């Protein structure tokens, strides 16, 4: 029962963080100038920069999440075995 409450609380916190997120301009000056110039000229360079930033942003979270999942699965198997 306690695990269900913990999962529900975790999901609620993540949902709240996603709903309360704000836009941020976190590019360096050169990247921002290139993106604005290319977007004005109709180029897709800005889309490439944005995809690269998202790739670099999510990679550590995917790695940590994968390690956490493997650890959780091993722990669950150990609890069921003994």
N, C-alpha and C. Protein backbone atom coordinates (compact mmCIF):
# COMPACT_ATOMS: atom_id res chain seq x y z
N UNK A 1 0.82 -1.19 0.00
CA UNK A 1 0.00 0.00 0.00
C UNK A 1 0.87 1.25 0.00
N UNK A 2 1.98 1.19 0.75
CA UNK A 2 2.86 2.35 0.82
C UNK A 2 3.52 2.61 -0.53
N UNK A 3 3.83 1.55 -1.28
CA UNK A 3 4.46 1.71 -2.59
C UNK A 3 3.51 2.43 -3.55
N UNK A 4 2.22 2.12 -3.47
CA UNK A 4 1.25 2.79 -4.33
C UNK A 4 1.18 4.28 -4.04
N UNK A 5 1.24 4.65 -2.79
CA UNK A 5 1.22 6.06 -2.42
C UNK A 5 2.47 6.77 -2.91
N UNK A 6 3.61 6.09 -2.82
CA UNK A 6 4.86 6.67 -3.27
C UNK A 6 4.84 6.89 -4.78
N UNK A 7 4.35 5.91 -5.51
CA UNK A 7 4.25 6.04 -6.97
C UNK A 7 3.29 7.15 -7.34
N UNK A 8 2.15 7.22 -6.68
CA UNK A 8 1.17 8.26 -6.95
C UNK A 8 1.73 9.64 -6.65
N UNK A 9 2.44 9.78 -5.55
CA UNK A 9 3.06 11.05 -5.20
C UNK A 9 4.11 11.44 -6.23
N UNK A 10 4.91 10.49 -6.69
CA UNK A 10 5.94 10.76 -7.69
C UNK A 10 5.32 11.21 -9.00
N UNK A 11 4.28 10.54 -9.44
CA UNK A 11 3.60 10.92 -10.67
C UNK A 11 2.98 12.32 -10.53
N UNK A 12 2.40 12.61 -9.38
CA UNK A 12 1.80 13.93 -9.16
C UNK A 12 2.86 15.02 -9.18
N UNK A 13 4.02 14.78 -8.60
CA UNK A 13 5.09 15.77 -8.59
C UNK A 13 5.61 16.02 -10.01
N UNK A 14 5.81 14.95 -10.77
CA UNK A 14 6.28 15.10 -12.15
C UNK A 14 5.25 15.87 -12.98
N UNK A 15 3.97 15.51 -12.83
CA UNK A 15 2.92 16.20 -13.57
C UNK A 15 2.86 17.68 -13.19
N UNK A 16 3.00 17.98 -11.93
CA UNK A 16 2.99 19.37 -11.48
C UNK A 16 4.17 20.14 -12.05
N UNK A 17 5.34 19.53 -12.07
CA UNK A 17 6.52 20.18 -12.64
C UNK A 17 6.34 20.45 -14.13
N UNK A 18 5.74 19.49 -14.84
CA UNK A 18 5.52 19.68 -16.27
C UNK A 18 4.48 20.77 -16.54
N UNK A 19 3.48 20.84 -15.71
CA UNK A 19 2.44 21.84 -15.91
C UNK A 19 2.90 23.25 -15.55
N UNK A 20 3.84 23.35 -14.64
CA UNK A 20 4.30 24.65 -14.19
C UNK A 20 5.59 25.10 -14.86
N UNK A 21 5.99 24.41 -15.93
CA UNK A 21 7.23 24.78 -16.59
C UNK A 21 7.07 26.10 -17.33
N UNK A 22 8.17 26.82 -17.47
CA UNK A 22 8.17 28.10 -18.18
C UNK A 22 9.18 28.03 -19.31
N UNK A 23 9.00 28.90 -20.30
CA UNK A 23 9.95 28.95 -21.39
C UNK A 23 11.23 29.61 -20.93
N UNK A 24 12.33 29.13 -21.46
CA UNK A 24 13.64 29.68 -21.11
C UNK A 24 14.49 29.79 -22.36
N UNK A 25 15.27 30.84 -22.43
CA UNK A 25 16.23 31.00 -23.51
C UNK A 25 17.59 30.65 -22.96
N UNK A 26 18.07 29.45 -23.27
CA UNK A 26 19.29 28.97 -22.65
C UNK A 26 20.39 28.70 -23.68
N UNK A 27 20.35 29.41 -24.79
CA UNK A 27 21.37 29.22 -25.79
C UNK A 27 22.48 30.25 -25.59
N UNK A 28 23.67 29.89 -26.07
CA UNK A 28 24.75 30.86 -26.04
C UNK A 28 24.45 31.94 -27.08
N UNK A 29 25.16 33.04 -27.01
CA UNK A 29 24.90 34.17 -27.90
C UNK A 29 25.09 33.80 -29.37
N UNK A 30 26.12 33.01 -29.67
CA UNK A 30 26.38 32.62 -31.06
C UNK A 30 25.30 31.67 -31.59
N UNK A 31 24.88 30.73 -30.77
CA UNK A 31 23.83 29.80 -31.20
C UNK A 31 22.52 30.55 -31.41
N UNK A 32 22.21 31.47 -30.53
CA UNK A 32 20.98 32.23 -30.66
C UNK A 32 21.01 33.08 -31.92
N UNK A 33 22.13 33.74 -32.20
CA UNK A 33 22.23 34.57 -33.40
C UNK A 33 22.09 33.72 -34.66
N UNK A 34 22.72 32.55 -34.68
CA UNK A 34 22.62 31.66 -35.84
C UNK A 34 21.19 31.17 -36.03
N UNK A 35 20.55 30.80 -34.93
CA UNK A 35 19.17 30.31 -35.02
C UNK A 35 18.22 31.39 -35.50
N UNK A 36 18.36 32.61 -35.00
CA UNK A 36 17.47 33.69 -35.42
C UNK A 36 17.70 34.06 -36.88
N UNK A 37 18.95 34.10 -37.29
CA UNK A 37 19.27 34.44 -38.68
C UNK A 37 18.75 33.37 -39.63
N UNK A 38 18.97 32.11 -39.29
CA UNK A 38 18.54 31.03 -40.18
C UNK A 38 17.02 30.91 -40.22
N UNK A 39 16.38 31.15 -39.10
CA UNK A 39 14.92 31.07 -39.08
C UNK A 39 14.32 32.17 -39.95
N UNK A 40 14.92 33.36 -39.89
CA UNK A 40 14.45 34.46 -40.73
C UNK A 40 14.67 34.20 -42.21
N UNK A 41 15.71 33.45 -42.54
CA UNK A 41 16.01 33.14 -43.94
C UNK A 41 15.28 31.89 -44.42
N UNK A 42 14.56 31.22 -43.55
CA UNK A 42 13.79 30.03 -43.93
C UNK A 42 14.61 28.75 -43.91
N UNK A 43 15.77 28.76 -43.27
CA UNK A 43 16.62 27.58 -43.20
C UNK A 43 16.18 26.69 -42.02
N UNK A 44 16.66 25.46 -42.02
CA UNK A 44 16.30 24.53 -40.94
C UNK A 44 17.44 24.38 -39.93
N UNK A 45 18.40 25.29 -39.92
CA UNK A 45 19.51 25.21 -38.97
C UNK A 45 19.00 25.34 -37.54
N UNK A 46 18.03 26.21 -37.33
CA UNK A 46 17.48 26.39 -35.98
C UNK A 46 16.85 25.11 -35.46
N UNK A 47 16.17 24.38 -36.33
CA UNK A 47 15.58 23.11 -35.91
C UNK A 47 16.66 22.11 -35.53
N UNK A 48 17.76 22.09 -36.25
CA UNK A 48 18.87 21.20 -35.93
C UNK A 48 19.50 21.55 -34.60
N UNK A 49 19.66 22.84 -34.33
CA UNK A 49 20.22 23.27 -33.05
C UNK A 49 19.30 22.86 -31.91
N UNK A 50 18.01 23.06 -32.09
CA UNK A 50 17.05 22.69 -31.04
C UNK A 50 17.03 21.18 -30.80
N UNK A 51 17.11 20.39 -31.86
CA UNK A 51 17.14 18.93 -31.68
C UNK A 51 18.42 18.49 -30.98
N UNK A 52 19.52 19.14 -31.30
CA UNK A 52 20.79 18.82 -30.63
C UNK A 52 20.75 19.14 -29.15
N UNK A 53 20.15 20.26 -28.81
CA UNK A 53 20.03 20.64 -27.41
C UNK A 53 19.16 19.63 -26.66
N UNK A 54 18.05 19.22 -27.27
CA UNK A 54 17.17 18.24 -26.62
C UNK A 54 17.88 16.89 -26.46
N UNK A 55 18.66 16.50 -27.45
CA UNK A 55 19.42 15.25 -27.36
C UNK A 55 20.39 15.31 -26.19
N UNK A 56 21.12 16.40 -26.08
CA UNK A 56 22.07 16.54 -24.98
C UNK A 56 21.38 16.64 -23.63
N UNK A 57 20.17 17.18 -23.61
CA UNK A 57 19.42 17.33 -22.36
C UNK A 57 18.90 16.00 -21.85
N UNK A 58 18.36 15.17 -22.73
CA UNK A 58 17.69 13.94 -22.30
C UNK A 58 18.63 12.75 -22.10
N UNK A 59 19.78 12.75 -22.72
CA UNK A 59 20.68 11.59 -22.65
C UNK A 59 21.06 11.21 -21.22
N UNK A 60 21.49 12.14 -20.36
CA UNK A 60 21.83 11.73 -18.98
C UNK A 60 20.63 11.16 -18.22
N UNK A 61 19.46 11.71 -18.45
CA UNK A 61 18.27 11.22 -17.75
C UNK A 61 17.91 9.81 -18.22
N UNK A 62 18.08 9.53 -19.50
CA UNK A 62 17.80 8.18 -20.00
C UNK A 62 18.80 7.18 -19.43
N UNK A 63 20.06 7.56 -19.33
CA UNK A 63 21.06 6.66 -18.77
C UNK A 63 20.77 6.38 -17.30
N UNK A 64 20.51 7.43 -16.53
CA UNK A 64 20.21 7.26 -15.10
C UNK A 64 18.92 6.47 -14.91
N UNK A 65 17.92 6.75 -15.74
CA UNK A 65 16.67 6.01 -15.66
C UNK A 65 16.85 4.54 -15.97
N UNK A 66 17.68 4.22 -16.97
CA UNK A 66 17.97 2.83 -17.30
C UNK A 66 18.67 2.10 -16.17
N UNK A 67 19.66 2.76 -15.57
CA UNK A 67 20.36 2.16 -14.44
C UNK A 67 19.40 1.97 -13.26
N UNK A 68 18.55 2.95 -13.01
CA UNK A 68 17.57 2.85 -11.93
C UNK A 68 16.58 1.72 -12.16
N UNK A 69 16.15 1.55 -13.41
CA UNK A 69 15.21 0.47 -13.72
C UNK A 69 15.86 -0.90 -13.50
N UNK A 70 17.10 -1.05 -13.95
CA UNK A 70 17.81 -2.32 -13.76
C UNK A 70 18.00 -2.61 -12.27
N UNK A 71 18.35 -1.59 -11.51
CA UNK A 71 18.52 -1.75 -10.06
C UNK A 71 17.19 -2.14 -9.41
N UNK A 72 16.10 -1.47 -9.80
CA UNK A 72 14.78 -1.74 -9.23
C UNK A 72 14.34 -3.17 -9.54
N UNK A 73 14.57 -3.61 -10.80
CA UNK A 73 14.17 -4.94 -11.20
C UNK A 73 14.96 -6.01 -10.44
N UNK A 74 16.27 -5.78 -10.27
CA UNK A 74 17.10 -6.73 -9.53
C UNK A 74 16.67 -6.79 -8.06
N UNK A 75 16.35 -5.65 -7.50
CA UNK A 75 15.93 -5.61 -6.10
C UNK A 75 14.59 -6.34 -5.91
N UNK A 76 13.69 -6.14 -6.87
CA UNK A 76 12.38 -6.78 -6.79
C UNK A 76 12.52 -8.30 -6.89
N UNK A 77 13.40 -8.76 -7.79
CA UNK A 77 13.64 -10.21 -7.91
C UNK A 77 14.25 -10.78 -6.64
N UNK A 78 15.15 -10.03 -6.01
CA UNK A 78 15.78 -10.49 -4.77
C UNK A 78 14.76 -10.58 -3.64
N UNK A 79 13.82 -9.64 -3.58
CA UNK A 79 12.79 -9.68 -2.54
C UNK A 79 11.83 -10.85 -2.76
N UNK A 80 11.52 -11.14 -4.01
CA UNK A 80 10.62 -12.25 -4.29
C UNK A 80 11.29 -13.60 -4.02
N UNK A 81 12.59 -13.67 -4.23
CA UNK A 81 13.33 -14.93 -4.02
C UNK A 81 13.54 -15.23 -2.54
N UNK A 82 13.72 -14.17 -1.76
CA UNK A 82 14.06 -14.46 -0.37
C UNK A 82 13.27 -13.72 0.56
